[in-house]
Amino acid sequence: MREGVKIMRMMSIMRFFAVALSLALASLAVTGSMALAQVAPAPDKKGEWIHPPAELPKAPRGDRNYNLDMLFGGLKVAPDDASAKAIENRIWALMLASKSDTANLLMTRVKTAVDGENLDLAIQLLDSIIEIKPDYIEAWNRRATLYFLKKDYGRAFGDITEVLSREPRHFGALSGLGLIMQEMGDDKTALKVYRRALEVHPRLQRIPDIVKTLTEKVEGRPI
């Protein structure tokens, strides 16, 4: 009886994932086509959660959405890895800019808590940031990362959906979503998400090799 309840709950979670994922991916289509990826893990290795670099340039002035549109456009046509990385870092700088002194202070405390491996405290701090500034995408994204590390895939998925509903081009969240799907054993959906990420950021590290491995696993080798 208990085993039956457990199976029912698992099926319910997977149904939720399927519906939420379809909504998240549908929102991506509105933004049109973009690009992603490079570098190689071992053939059986899964992806890694993508974090912003420790050193970031100053966020450009002016209209944030206009700047992001310009940078994502440049990311698609970057001629080499170095150029793509420079653009990627400027995108991170914009996405990390909260325009709130309180949120900025709490985010420094989040980093301290994570560095001290106190994930529960870090999540509580992120809860507070999201409460006072729910439009701050990186708070949702950072909390999704921590939920993933705690293997709370349901909450991680929910936070990533919040990120993608606000910024469908968020290559970090897309890669994280693909990783969650792999952990859940849904390689087919993971492949779909990673391909979406590749449309956004053509030179994002590691994803092309993961896509190649999953393509062979899900769709078989080309004849």
N, C-alpha and C. Protein backbone atom coordinates (compact mmCIF):
# COMPACT_ATOMS: atom_id res chain seq x y z
N MET A 1 0.84 -1.19 0.00
CA MET A 1 0.00 0.00 0.00
C MET A 1 0.88 1.26 0.00
N ARG A 2 1.89 1.25 0.91
CA ARG A 2 2.79 2.37 1.00
C ARG A 2 3.57 2.55 -0.30
N GLU A 3 3.98 1.42 -0.92
CA GLU A 3 4.71 1.47 -2.17
C GLU A 3 3.85 2.05 -3.28
N GLY A 4 2.55 1.70 -3.26
CA GLY A 4 1.64 2.22 -4.27
C GLY A 4 1.47 3.72 -4.16
N VAL A 5 1.40 4.23 -2.93
CA VAL A 5 1.29 5.68 -2.70
C VAL A 5 2.54 6.38 -3.22
N LYS A 6 3.71 5.77 -2.97
CA LYS A 6 4.98 6.34 -3.41
C LYS A 6 5.03 6.45 -4.92
N ILE A 7 4.57 5.38 -5.62
CA ILE A 7 4.56 5.38 -7.08
C ILE A 7 3.62 6.45 -7.62
N MET A 8 2.43 6.58 -6.96
CA MET A 8 1.45 7.58 -7.38
C MET A 8 2.03 8.99 -7.25
N ARG A 9 2.75 9.24 -6.15
CA ARG A 9 3.35 10.55 -5.96
C ARG A 9 4.39 10.84 -7.02
N MET A 10 5.20 9.82 -7.34
CA MET A 10 6.24 10.00 -8.35
C MET A 10 5.63 10.30 -9.71
N MET A 11 4.56 9.60 -10.05
CA MET A 11 3.87 9.84 -11.32
C MET A 11 3.30 11.25 -11.37
N SER A 12 2.77 11.70 -10.22
CA SER A 12 2.22 13.04 -10.14
C SER A 12 3.29 14.10 -10.35
N ILE A 13 4.48 13.88 -9.77
CA ILE A 13 5.60 14.80 -9.94
C ILE A 13 6.01 14.87 -11.40
N MET A 14 6.11 13.70 -12.05
CA MET A 14 6.53 13.67 -13.44
C MET A 14 5.50 14.35 -14.35
N ARG A 15 4.20 14.21 -14.02
CA ARG A 15 3.18 14.90 -14.81
C ARG A 15 3.33 16.41 -14.67
N PHE A 16 3.62 16.85 -13.43
CA PHE A 16 3.85 18.28 -13.19
C PHE A 16 5.04 18.76 -14.00
N PHE A 17 6.13 18.00 -14.00
CA PHE A 17 7.32 18.35 -14.76
C PHE A 17 6.97 18.51 -16.23
N ALA A 18 6.21 17.56 -16.78
CA ALA A 18 5.90 17.58 -18.20
C ALA A 18 5.10 18.84 -18.57
N VAL A 19 4.10 19.18 -17.75
CA VAL A 19 3.27 20.36 -18.03
C VAL A 19 4.09 21.63 -17.88
N ALA A 20 4.81 21.74 -16.75
CA ALA A 20 5.60 22.95 -16.50
C ALA A 20 6.69 23.14 -17.55
N LEU A 21 7.31 22.04 -17.95
CA LEU A 21 8.37 22.14 -18.95
C LEU A 21 7.82 22.59 -20.29
N SER A 22 6.66 22.07 -20.66
CA SER A 22 6.08 22.47 -21.94
C SER A 22 5.77 23.97 -21.95
N LEU A 23 5.33 24.51 -20.79
CA LEU A 23 5.08 25.94 -20.69
C LEU A 23 6.37 26.73 -20.78
N ALA A 24 7.41 26.24 -20.10
CA ALA A 24 8.70 26.94 -20.12
C ALA A 24 9.28 26.96 -21.53
N LEU A 25 9.22 25.83 -22.22
CA LEU A 25 9.77 25.75 -23.57
C LEU A 25 8.94 26.56 -24.55
N ALA A 26 7.61 26.58 -24.33
CA ALA A 26 6.75 27.38 -25.20
C ALA A 26 7.11 28.85 -25.10
N SER A 27 7.43 29.31 -23.88
CA SER A 27 7.79 30.72 -23.72
C SER A 27 9.08 31.04 -24.44
N LEU A 28 9.96 30.06 -24.61
CA LEU A 28 11.22 30.29 -25.33
C LEU A 28 10.97 30.59 -26.80
N ALA A 29 9.96 29.94 -27.37
CA ALA A 29 9.71 30.09 -28.80
C ALA A 29 9.35 31.54 -29.15
N VAL A 30 8.79 32.27 -28.18
CA VAL A 30 8.37 33.64 -28.43
C VAL A 30 9.57 34.53 -28.75
N THR A 31 10.72 34.23 -28.17
CA THR A 31 11.91 35.07 -28.36
C THR A 31 12.62 34.79 -29.68
N GLY A 32 12.24 33.73 -30.38
CA GLY A 32 12.88 33.39 -31.64
C GLY A 32 14.15 32.60 -31.44
N SER A 33 14.85 32.39 -32.54
CA SER A 33 16.03 31.51 -32.56
C SER A 33 17.25 32.21 -31.99
N MET A 34 18.13 31.45 -31.30
CA MET A 34 19.43 31.94 -30.80
C MET A 34 20.46 30.81 -30.80
N ALA A 35 21.64 30.85 -29.99
CA ALA A 35 22.68 29.81 -30.12
C ALA A 35 23.53 29.44 -28.91
N LEU A 36 24.33 28.27 -28.84
CA LEU A 36 25.10 27.83 -27.66
C LEU A 36 26.34 26.95 -27.86
N ALA A 37 27.31 26.54 -27.31
CA ALA A 37 28.12 25.53 -26.66
C ALA A 37 29.48 25.03 -27.16
N GLN A 38 30.30 24.43 -26.32
CA GLN A 38 31.59 23.82 -26.67
C GLN A 38 32.24 23.11 -25.48
N VAL A 39 33.31 22.36 -25.74
CA VAL A 39 34.16 21.65 -24.77
C VAL A 39 33.57 20.30 -24.38
N ALA A 40 34.42 19.39 -23.83
CA ALA A 40 34.01 18.01 -23.74
C ALA A 40 34.12 17.40 -22.36
N PRO A 41 33.00 16.90 -21.80
CA PRO A 41 33.09 16.03 -20.66
C PRO A 41 33.36 14.61 -21.15
N ALA A 42 33.60 13.70 -20.23
CA ALA A 42 33.68 12.30 -20.63
C ALA A 42 32.34 11.90 -21.22
N PRO A 43 32.30 10.91 -22.14
CA PRO A 43 31.07 10.57 -22.85
C PRO A 43 29.87 10.30 -21.95
N ASP A 44 30.10 9.74 -20.76
CA ASP A 44 28.96 9.41 -19.90
C ASP A 44 28.72 10.46 -18.83
N LYS A 45 29.44 11.58 -18.92
CA LYS A 45 29.32 12.61 -17.89
C LYS A 45 28.11 13.49 -18.15
N LYS A 46 27.43 13.88 -17.06
CA LYS A 46 26.32 14.80 -17.21
C LYS A 46 26.85 16.23 -17.19
N GLY A 47 25.93 17.16 -17.45
CA GLY A 47 26.32 18.56 -17.44
C GLY A 47 26.66 19.04 -16.04
N GLU A 48 27.07 20.28 -15.97
CA GLU A 48 27.36 20.92 -14.70
C GLU A 48 26.57 22.21 -14.62
N TRP A 49 26.17 22.57 -13.40
CA TRP A 49 25.41 23.81 -13.24
C TRP A 49 26.32 24.99 -13.58
N ILE A 50 25.83 25.89 -14.40
CA ILE A 50 26.64 27.01 -14.86
C ILE A 50 26.48 28.18 -13.89
N HIS A 51 27.62 28.68 -13.40
CA HIS A 51 27.62 29.79 -12.46
C HIS A 51 28.24 31.03 -13.12
N PRO A 52 27.86 32.21 -12.64
CA PRO A 52 28.55 33.41 -13.12
C PRO A 52 29.99 33.41 -12.63
N PRO A 53 30.90 34.00 -13.38
CA PRO A 53 32.30 34.04 -12.95
C PRO A 53 32.48 34.95 -11.74
N ALA A 54 33.55 34.74 -11.00
CA ALA A 54 33.82 35.56 -9.81
C ALA A 54 34.10 37.01 -10.19
N GLU A 55 34.83 37.21 -11.29
CA GLU A 55 35.17 38.56 -11.75
C GLU A 55 34.23 38.94 -12.90
N LEU A 56 33.49 40.02 -12.71
CA LEU A 56 32.56 40.46 -13.74
C LEU A 56 32.84 41.91 -14.13
N PRO A 57 32.60 42.26 -15.40
CA PRO A 57 32.72 43.67 -15.78
C PRO A 57 31.58 44.46 -15.17
N LYS A 58 31.70 45.75 -15.22
CA LYS A 58 30.63 46.61 -14.73
C LYS A 58 29.45 46.51 -15.69
N ALA A 59 28.24 46.43 -15.11
CA ALA A 59 27.04 46.34 -15.95
C ALA A 59 26.91 47.60 -16.80
N PRO A 60 26.64 47.45 -18.10
CA PRO A 60 26.52 48.63 -18.96
C PRO A 60 25.34 49.51 -18.55
N ARG A 61 25.49 50.81 -18.78
CA ARG A 61 24.41 51.74 -18.45
C ARG A 61 23.33 51.71 -19.52
N GLY A 62 22.23 52.37 -19.22
CA GLY A 62 21.15 52.46 -20.19
C GLY A 62 20.06 51.44 -19.95
N ASP A 63 19.20 51.27 -20.93
CA ASP A 63 18.06 50.38 -20.81
C ASP A 63 18.52 48.92 -20.72
N ARG A 64 18.15 48.25 -19.64
CA ARG A 64 18.62 46.89 -19.40
C ARG A 64 18.17 45.93 -20.50
N ASN A 65 16.89 46.00 -20.86
CA ASN A 65 16.36 45.07 -21.88
C ASN A 65 17.03 45.29 -23.24
N TYR A 66 17.26 46.57 -23.58
CA TYR A 66 17.92 46.86 -24.84
C TYR A 66 19.34 46.31 -24.83
N ASN A 67 20.05 46.52 -23.71
CA ASN A 67 21.41 46.01 -23.60
C ASN A 67 21.45 44.49 -23.71
N LEU A 68 20.51 43.82 -23.03
CA LEU A 68 20.48 42.35 -23.09
C LEU A 68 20.20 41.87 -24.50
N ASP A 69 19.25 42.53 -25.19
CA ASP A 69 18.94 42.14 -26.56
C ASP A 69 20.18 42.26 -27.45
N MET A 70 20.92 43.36 -27.27
CA MET A 70 22.13 43.56 -28.06
C MET A 70 23.18 42.50 -27.74
N LEU A 71 23.35 42.20 -26.46
CA LEU A 71 24.37 41.24 -26.06
C LEU A 71 24.01 39.82 -26.50
N PHE A 72 22.75 39.43 -26.35
CA PHE A 72 22.35 38.09 -26.80
C PHE A 72 22.48 37.97 -28.32
N GLY A 73 22.20 39.07 -29.02
CA GLY A 73 22.41 39.06 -30.47
C GLY A 73 23.88 38.87 -30.80
N GLY A 74 24.76 39.56 -30.06
CA GLY A 74 26.19 39.41 -30.28
C GLY A 74 26.69 38.02 -29.92
N LEU A 75 26.07 37.42 -28.91
CA LEU A 75 26.46 36.08 -28.48
C LEU A 75 26.25 35.07 -29.60
N LYS A 76 25.19 35.26 -30.37
CA LYS A 76 24.88 34.33 -31.47
C LYS A 76 25.92 34.33 -32.57
N VAL A 77 26.56 35.47 -32.76
CA VAL A 77 27.49 35.59 -33.90
C VAL A 77 28.93 35.77 -33.45
N ALA A 78 29.23 35.52 -32.18
CA ALA A 78 30.59 35.67 -31.67
C ALA A 78 31.54 34.80 -32.50
N PRO A 79 32.64 35.35 -33.02
CA PRO A 79 33.52 34.61 -33.94
C PRO A 79 34.42 33.58 -33.26
N ASP A 80 34.62 33.71 -31.94
CA ASP A 80 35.50 32.78 -31.25
C ASP A 80 35.12 32.68 -29.78
N ASP A 81 35.75 31.74 -29.08
CA ASP A 81 35.41 31.50 -27.67
C ASP A 81 35.69 32.71 -26.79
N ALA A 82 36.80 33.39 -27.06
CA ALA A 82 37.16 34.54 -26.22
C ALA A 82 36.13 35.65 -26.33
N SER A 83 35.67 35.92 -27.55
CA SER A 83 34.65 36.95 -27.75
C SER A 83 33.34 36.55 -27.09
N ALA A 84 32.97 35.30 -27.25
CA ALA A 84 31.73 34.80 -26.64
C ALA A 84 31.79 34.91 -25.12
N LYS A 85 32.95 34.58 -24.55
CA LYS A 85 33.09 34.64 -23.09
C LYS A 85 32.97 36.07 -22.59
N ALA A 86 33.54 37.01 -23.31
CA ALA A 86 33.44 38.42 -22.91
C ALA A 86 31.99 38.89 -22.94
N ILE A 87 31.25 38.49 -23.97
CA ILE A 87 29.84 38.85 -24.06
C ILE A 87 29.04 38.16 -22.95
N GLU A 88 29.33 36.88 -22.73
CA GLU A 88 28.65 36.13 -21.68
C GLU A 88 28.82 36.82 -20.32
N ASN A 89 30.04 37.28 -20.03
CA ASN A 89 30.29 37.93 -18.75
C ASN A 89 29.51 39.23 -18.61
N ARG A 90 29.35 39.96 -19.71
CA ARG A 90 28.56 41.19 -19.67
C ARG A 90 27.08 40.87 -19.46
N ILE A 91 26.62 39.77 -20.01
CA ILE A 91 25.23 39.35 -19.77
C ILE A 91 25.04 39.01 -18.29
N TRP A 92 26.00 38.24 -17.73
CA TRP A 92 25.93 37.91 -16.31
C TRP A 92 25.91 39.18 -15.46
N ALA A 93 26.74 40.16 -15.83
CA ALA A 93 26.81 41.40 -15.06
C ALA A 93 25.45 42.08 -15.03
N LEU A 94 24.76 42.10 -16.16
CA LEU A 94 23.43 42.71 -16.20
C LEU A 94 22.42 41.90 -15.39
N MET A 95 22.48 40.58 -15.51
CA MET A 95 21.49 39.75 -14.81
C MET A 95 21.71 39.76 -13.30
N LEU A 96 22.95 39.98 -12.87
CA LEU A 96 23.24 39.99 -11.44
C LEU A 96 22.98 41.35 -10.80
N ALA A 97 22.80 42.39 -11.60
CA ALA A 97 22.54 43.73 -11.06
C ALA A 97 21.11 43.81 -10.54
N SER A 98 20.96 43.90 -9.23
CA SER A 98 19.61 43.87 -8.63
C SER A 98 18.97 45.25 -8.49
N LYS A 99 19.79 46.31 -8.51
CA LYS A 99 19.31 47.69 -8.28
C LYS A 99 18.67 47.83 -6.90
N SER A 100 19.09 47.00 -5.97
CA SER A 100 18.59 47.07 -4.59
C SER A 100 19.75 46.84 -3.64
N ASP A 101 20.04 47.83 -2.79
CA ASP A 101 21.13 47.69 -1.83
C ASP A 101 20.87 46.53 -0.87
N THR A 102 19.62 46.37 -0.48
CA THR A 102 19.26 45.29 0.45
C THR A 102 19.50 43.93 -0.19
N ALA A 103 19.05 43.79 -1.45
CA ALA A 103 19.24 42.52 -2.16
C ALA A 103 20.73 42.24 -2.36
N ASN A 104 21.49 43.28 -2.68
CA ASN A 104 22.94 43.10 -2.88
C ASN A 104 23.61 42.64 -1.60
N LEU A 105 23.23 43.25 -0.47
CA LEU A 105 23.81 42.86 0.82
C LEU A 105 23.47 41.41 1.15
N LEU A 106 22.20 41.04 0.93
CA LEU A 106 21.78 39.67 1.23
C LEU A 106 22.48 38.67 0.32
N MET A 107 22.72 39.06 -0.94
CA MET A 107 23.41 38.15 -1.86
C MET A 107 24.85 37.90 -1.42
N THR A 108 25.51 38.91 -0.84
CA THR A 108 26.86 38.67 -0.32
C THR A 108 26.81 37.69 0.85
N ARG A 109 25.74 37.77 1.64
CA ARG A 109 25.58 36.82 2.75
C ARG A 109 25.25 35.42 2.24
N VAL A 110 24.52 35.36 1.12
CA VAL A 110 24.26 34.06 0.49
C VAL A 110 25.58 33.40 0.10
N LYS A 111 26.46 34.18 -0.52
CA LYS A 111 27.76 33.64 -0.94
C LYS A 111 28.56 33.14 0.27
N THR A 112 28.54 33.92 1.35
CA THR A 112 29.26 33.51 2.56
C THR A 112 28.70 32.21 3.11
N ALA A 113 27.37 32.09 3.11
CA ALA A 113 26.72 30.87 3.61
C ALA A 113 27.07 29.68 2.73
N VAL A 114 27.06 29.87 1.42
CA VAL A 114 27.39 28.78 0.50
C VAL A 114 28.85 28.37 0.67
N ASP A 115 29.73 29.37 0.77
CA ASP A 115 31.15 29.06 0.98
C ASP A 115 31.36 28.27 2.27
N GLY A 116 30.51 28.54 3.27
CA GLY A 116 30.58 27.80 4.53
C GLY A 116 29.76 26.53 4.52
N GLU A 117 29.23 26.16 3.34
CA GLU A 117 28.44 24.94 3.15
C GLU A 117 27.17 24.92 4.01
N ASN A 118 26.65 26.10 4.32
CA ASN A 118 25.39 26.21 5.05
C ASN A 118 24.29 26.51 4.04
N LEU A 119 23.86 25.47 3.32
CA LEU A 119 22.90 25.67 2.24
C LEU A 119 21.53 26.08 2.76
N ASP A 120 21.14 25.60 3.92
CA ASP A 120 19.83 25.96 4.47
C ASP A 120 19.76 27.46 4.76
N LEU A 121 20.83 28.01 5.34
CA LEU A 121 20.86 29.45 5.61
C LEU A 121 20.84 30.23 4.30
N ALA A 122 21.61 29.76 3.31
CA ALA A 122 21.64 30.44 2.01
C ALA A 122 20.25 30.47 1.38
N ILE A 123 19.52 29.39 1.49
CA ILE A 123 18.16 29.33 0.93
C ILE A 123 17.25 30.29 1.68
N GLN A 124 17.37 30.37 3.00
CA GLN A 124 16.55 31.30 3.78
C GLN A 124 16.82 32.75 3.36
N LEU A 125 18.09 33.06 3.13
CA LEU A 125 18.43 34.41 2.68
C LEU A 125 17.85 34.70 1.29
N LEU A 126 17.91 33.71 0.41
CA LEU A 126 17.32 33.88 -0.92
C LEU A 126 15.81 34.01 -0.85
N ASP A 127 15.19 33.30 0.09
CA ASP A 127 13.75 33.47 0.31
C ASP A 127 13.43 34.94 0.60
N SER A 128 14.27 35.55 1.43
CA SER A 128 14.05 36.95 1.81
C SER A 128 14.24 37.87 0.61
N ILE A 129 15.26 37.60 -0.21
CA ILE A 129 15.50 38.43 -1.39
C ILE A 129 14.31 38.35 -2.34
N ILE A 130 13.83 37.13 -2.58
CA ILE A 130 12.70 36.93 -3.50
C ILE A 130 11.44 37.60 -2.97
N GLU A 131 11.29 37.62 -1.65
CA GLU A 131 10.11 38.26 -1.05
C GLU A 131 10.13 39.76 -1.27
N ILE A 132 11.32 40.38 -1.13
CA ILE A 132 11.38 41.84 -1.26
C ILE A 132 11.57 42.28 -2.72
N LYS A 133 12.10 41.38 -3.56
CA LYS A 133 12.34 41.74 -4.96
C LYS A 133 12.09 40.53 -5.86
N PRO A 134 10.82 40.18 -6.06
CA PRO A 134 10.48 38.96 -6.81
C PRO A 134 10.88 39.01 -8.28
N ASP A 135 11.21 40.20 -8.81
CA ASP A 135 11.62 40.28 -10.21
C ASP A 135 13.13 40.12 -10.38
N TYR A 136 13.84 39.85 -9.29
CA TYR A 136 15.28 39.67 -9.36
C TYR A 136 15.58 38.22 -9.76
N ILE A 137 15.85 38.02 -11.04
CA ILE A 137 15.95 36.68 -11.61
C ILE A 137 17.03 35.84 -10.96
N GLU A 138 18.18 36.45 -10.66
CA GLU A 138 19.30 35.66 -10.16
C GLU A 138 19.06 35.08 -8.77
N ALA A 139 18.16 35.67 -8.01
CA ALA A 139 17.81 35.07 -6.71
C ALA A 139 17.09 33.75 -6.94
N TRP A 140 16.17 33.72 -7.90
CA TRP A 140 15.48 32.48 -8.25
C TRP A 140 16.48 31.46 -8.79
N ASN A 141 17.38 31.92 -9.66
CA ASN A 141 18.34 31.00 -10.27
C ASN A 141 19.30 30.42 -9.23
N ARG A 142 19.77 31.27 -8.32
CA ARG A 142 20.69 30.80 -7.28
C ARG A 142 19.99 29.82 -6.34
N ARG A 143 18.73 30.10 -6.02
CA ARG A 143 18.01 29.18 -5.13
C ARG A 143 17.76 27.84 -5.83
N ALA A 144 17.49 27.87 -7.13
CA ALA A 144 17.33 26.63 -7.88
C ALA A 144 18.59 25.78 -7.80
N THR A 145 19.74 26.45 -7.91
CA THR A 145 21.03 25.74 -7.81
C THR A 145 21.16 25.03 -6.47
N LEU A 146 20.81 25.74 -5.39
CA LEU A 146 20.96 25.17 -4.06
C LEU A 146 19.97 24.03 -3.83
N TYR A 147 18.75 24.19 -4.33
CA TYR A 147 17.78 23.09 -4.22
C TYR A 147 18.30 21.86 -4.97
N PHE A 148 18.92 22.10 -6.12
CA PHE A 148 19.48 20.97 -6.88
C PHE A 148 20.56 20.27 -6.07
N LEU A 149 21.44 21.04 -5.45
CA LEU A 149 22.51 20.45 -4.64
C LEU A 149 21.95 19.63 -3.49
N LYS A 150 20.77 20.02 -3.01
CA LYS A 150 20.11 19.28 -1.93
C LYS A 150 19.24 18.14 -2.47
N LYS A 151 19.28 17.96 -3.81
CA LYS A 151 18.51 16.93 -4.50
C LYS A 151 16.99 17.14 -4.36
N ASP A 152 16.59 18.38 -4.14
CA ASP A 152 15.18 18.74 -4.09
C ASP A 152 14.79 19.21 -5.50
N TYR A 153 14.65 18.25 -6.41
CA TYR A 153 14.48 18.56 -7.81
C TYR A 153 13.15 19.25 -8.11
N GLY A 154 12.12 18.96 -7.34
CA GLY A 154 10.83 19.61 -7.55
C GLY A 154 10.92 21.12 -7.34
N ARG A 155 11.53 21.53 -6.23
CA ARG A 155 11.67 22.97 -5.96
C ARG A 155 12.66 23.62 -6.93
N ALA A 156 13.73 22.91 -7.27
CA ALA A 156 14.69 23.44 -8.23
C ALA A 156 14.00 23.70 -9.56
N PHE A 157 13.18 22.75 -9.99
CA PHE A 157 12.45 22.89 -11.24
C PHE A 157 11.51 24.09 -11.20
N GLY A 158 10.81 24.24 -10.06
CA GLY A 158 9.88 25.36 -9.92
C GLY A 158 10.59 26.70 -10.04
N ASP A 159 11.76 26.82 -9.42
CA ASP A 159 12.49 28.09 -9.48
C ASP A 159 13.04 28.35 -10.88
N ILE A 160 13.47 27.31 -11.57
CA ILE A 160 13.97 27.50 -12.94
C ILE A 160 12.83 27.96 -13.85
N THR A 161 11.64 27.41 -13.63
CA THR A 161 10.49 27.85 -14.41
C THR A 161 10.24 29.34 -14.21
N GLU A 162 10.42 29.82 -12.96
CA GLU A 162 10.27 31.25 -12.68
C GLU A 162 11.32 32.05 -13.44
N VAL A 163 12.54 31.56 -13.48
CA VAL A 163 13.62 32.25 -14.21
C VAL A 163 13.27 32.35 -15.69
N LEU A 164 12.90 31.22 -16.29
CA LEU A 164 12.66 31.19 -17.74
C LEU A 164 11.40 31.96 -18.14
N SER A 165 10.45 32.08 -17.21
CA SER A 165 9.26 32.88 -17.52
C SER A 165 9.61 34.36 -17.61
N ARG A 166 10.69 34.76 -16.90
CA ARG A 166 11.13 36.16 -16.91
C ARG A 166 12.21 36.42 -17.97
N GLU A 167 13.09 35.42 -18.19
CA GLU A 167 14.15 35.55 -19.18
C GLU A 167 14.37 34.20 -19.87
N PRO A 168 13.64 33.95 -20.97
CA PRO A 168 13.72 32.65 -21.65
C PRO A 168 15.11 32.34 -22.23
N ARG A 169 15.96 33.36 -22.33
CA ARG A 169 17.30 33.15 -22.90
C ARG A 169 18.35 32.83 -21.83
N HIS A 170 17.94 32.63 -20.61
CA HIS A 170 18.89 32.42 -19.51
C HIS A 170 19.58 31.06 -19.71
N PHE A 171 20.77 31.08 -20.29
CA PHE A 171 21.46 29.84 -20.64
C PHE A 171 21.86 29.05 -19.39
N GLY A 172 22.10 29.73 -18.27
CA GLY A 172 22.42 29.02 -17.04
C GLY A 172 21.24 28.20 -16.55
N ALA A 173 20.05 28.81 -16.56
CA ALA A 173 18.85 28.10 -16.12
C ALA A 173 18.49 26.97 -17.08
N LEU A 174 18.67 27.19 -18.39
CA LEU A 174 18.40 26.13 -19.36
C LEU A 174 19.31 24.93 -19.13
N SER A 175 20.58 25.21 -18.92
CA SER A 175 21.52 24.12 -18.67
C SER A 175 21.19 23.40 -17.37
N GLY A 176 20.79 24.16 -16.35
CA GLY A 176 20.37 23.55 -15.09
C GLY A 176 19.14 22.68 -15.26
N LEU A 177 18.20 23.14 -16.08
CA LEU A 177 17.00 22.35 -16.34
C LEU A 177 17.34 21.05 -17.04
N GLY A 178 18.26 21.12 -18.00
CA GLY A 178 18.70 19.89 -18.67
C GLY A 178 19.34 18.92 -17.69
N LEU A 179 20.12 19.45 -16.77
CA LEU A 179 20.79 18.62 -15.77
C LEU A 179 19.78 17.94 -14.85
N ILE A 180 18.75 18.69 -14.45
CA ILE A 180 17.70 18.11 -13.61
C ILE A 180 17.00 16.96 -14.35
N MET A 181 16.69 17.19 -15.63
CA MET A 181 16.02 16.16 -16.41
C MET A 181 16.89 14.90 -16.52
N GLN A 182 18.21 15.09 -16.65
CA GLN A 182 19.10 13.94 -16.67
C GLN A 182 19.07 13.19 -15.34
N GLU A 183 19.08 13.95 -14.25
CA GLU A 183 19.03 13.33 -12.92
C GLU A 183 17.73 12.56 -12.72
N MET A 184 16.65 13.05 -13.33
CA MET A 184 15.35 12.38 -13.22
C MET A 184 15.24 11.19 -14.17
N GLY A 185 16.26 11.00 -15.01
CA GLY A 185 16.25 9.88 -15.94
C GLY A 185 15.50 10.16 -17.23
N ASP A 186 15.16 11.44 -17.48
CA ASP A 186 14.41 11.81 -18.68
C ASP A 186 15.38 12.40 -19.70
N ASP A 187 16.15 11.53 -20.36
CA ASP A 187 17.16 11.99 -21.31
C ASP A 187 16.56 12.67 -22.53
N LYS A 188 15.37 12.24 -22.94
CA LYS A 188 14.73 12.83 -24.11
C LYS A 188 14.42 14.30 -23.87
N THR A 189 13.84 14.61 -22.71
CA THR A 189 13.54 16.00 -22.39
C THR A 189 14.82 16.79 -22.16
N ALA A 190 15.80 16.17 -21.51
CA ALA A 190 17.09 16.83 -21.29
C ALA A 190 17.70 17.25 -22.62
N LEU A 191 17.64 16.38 -23.61
CA LEU A 191 18.19 16.68 -24.93
C LEU A 191 17.48 17.88 -25.54
N LYS A 192 16.16 17.92 -25.40
CA LYS A 192 15.38 19.03 -25.95
C LYS A 192 15.80 20.35 -25.29
N VAL A 193 15.98 20.32 -23.98
CA VAL A 193 16.35 21.54 -23.26
C VAL A 193 17.76 22.00 -23.63
N TYR A 194 18.70 21.07 -23.69
CA TYR A 194 20.07 21.42 -24.06
C TYR A 194 20.11 22.02 -25.48
N ARG A 195 19.30 21.48 -26.37
CA ARG A 195 19.26 22.05 -27.72
C ARG A 195 18.71 23.47 -27.70
N ARG A 196 17.74 23.73 -26.82
CA ARG A 196 17.25 25.10 -26.66
C ARG A 196 18.38 26.00 -26.19
N ALA A 197 19.16 25.49 -25.24
CA ALA A 197 20.29 26.27 -24.73
C ALA A 197 21.28 26.57 -25.84
N LEU A 198 21.51 25.59 -26.71
CA LEU A 198 22.43 25.78 -27.83
C LEU A 198 21.94 26.85 -28.80
N GLU A 199 20.65 27.07 -28.86
CA GLU A 199 20.11 28.12 -29.72
C GLU A 199 20.39 29.50 -29.14
N VAL A 200 20.63 29.55 -27.84
CA VAL A 200 20.86 30.83 -27.18
C VAL A 200 22.33 31.21 -27.16
N HIS A 201 23.18 30.24 -26.84
CA HIS A 201 24.60 30.54 -26.61
C HIS A 201 25.45 29.48 -27.34
N PRO A 202 25.83 29.77 -28.60
CA PRO A 202 26.50 28.76 -29.43
C PRO A 202 27.84 28.27 -28.89
N ARG A 203 28.46 29.01 -27.97
CA ARG A 203 29.79 28.63 -27.51
C ARG A 203 29.83 28.36 -26.00
N LEU A 204 28.70 28.01 -25.45
CA LEU A 204 28.67 27.64 -24.03
C LEU A 204 29.40 26.32 -23.84
N GLN A 205 30.27 26.26 -22.88
CA GLN A 205 31.12 25.08 -22.73
C GLN A 205 30.34 23.83 -22.35
N ARG A 206 30.82 22.71 -22.83
CA ARG A 206 30.40 21.34 -22.50
C ARG A 206 29.10 20.87 -23.15
N ILE A 207 28.17 21.77 -23.42
CA ILE A 207 26.85 21.34 -23.87
C ILE A 207 26.88 20.60 -25.21
N PRO A 208 27.67 21.00 -26.22
CA PRO A 208 27.64 20.28 -27.50
C PRO A 208 27.97 18.80 -27.36
N ASP A 209 28.94 18.49 -26.50
CA ASP A 209 29.31 17.08 -26.33
C ASP A 209 28.21 16.31 -25.59
N ILE A 210 27.56 16.98 -24.65
CA ILE A 210 26.44 16.34 -23.95
C ILE A 210 25.31 16.08 -24.93
N VAL A 211 25.04 17.07 -25.80
CA VAL A 211 24.00 16.90 -26.81
C VAL A 211 24.33 15.74 -27.74
N LYS A 212 25.59 15.64 -28.14
CA LYS A 212 25.99 14.55 -29.02
C LYS A 212 25.77 13.20 -28.35
N THR A 213 26.18 13.09 -27.08
CA THR A 213 26.01 11.84 -26.35
C THR A 213 24.54 11.48 -26.19
N LEU A 214 23.73 12.48 -25.79
CA LEU A 214 22.30 12.22 -25.60
C LEU A 214 21.60 11.92 -26.90
N THR A 215 22.01 12.56 -27.99
CA THR A 215 21.41 12.30 -29.29
C THR A 215 21.59 10.84 -29.69
N GLU A 216 22.81 10.32 -29.50
CA GLU A 216 23.08 8.93 -29.81
C GLU A 216 22.28 7.99 -28.89
N LYS A 217 22.14 8.39 -27.64
CA LYS A 217 21.42 7.58 -26.67
C LYS A 217 19.92 7.57 -26.93
N VAL A 218 19.37 8.75 -27.24
CA VAL A 218 17.92 8.89 -27.41
C VAL A 218 17.46 8.54 -28.82
N GLU A 219 18.22 9.00 -29.83
CA GLU A 219 17.78 8.88 -31.22
C GLU A 219 18.59 7.84 -32.00
N GLY A 220 19.66 7.34 -31.40
CA GLY A 220 20.50 6.37 -32.09
C GLY A 220 21.53 7.04 -32.97
N ARG A 221 22.55 6.29 -33.38
CA ARG A 221 23.58 6.82 -34.25
C ARG A 221 23.06 6.99 -35.67
N PRO A 222 23.45 8.07 -36.37
CA PRO A 222 23.02 8.23 -37.76
C PRO A 222 23.60 7.12 -38.63
N ILE A 223 22.83 6.70 -39.62
CA ILE A 223 23.28 5.63 -40.52
C ILE A 223 24.21 6.20 -41.57
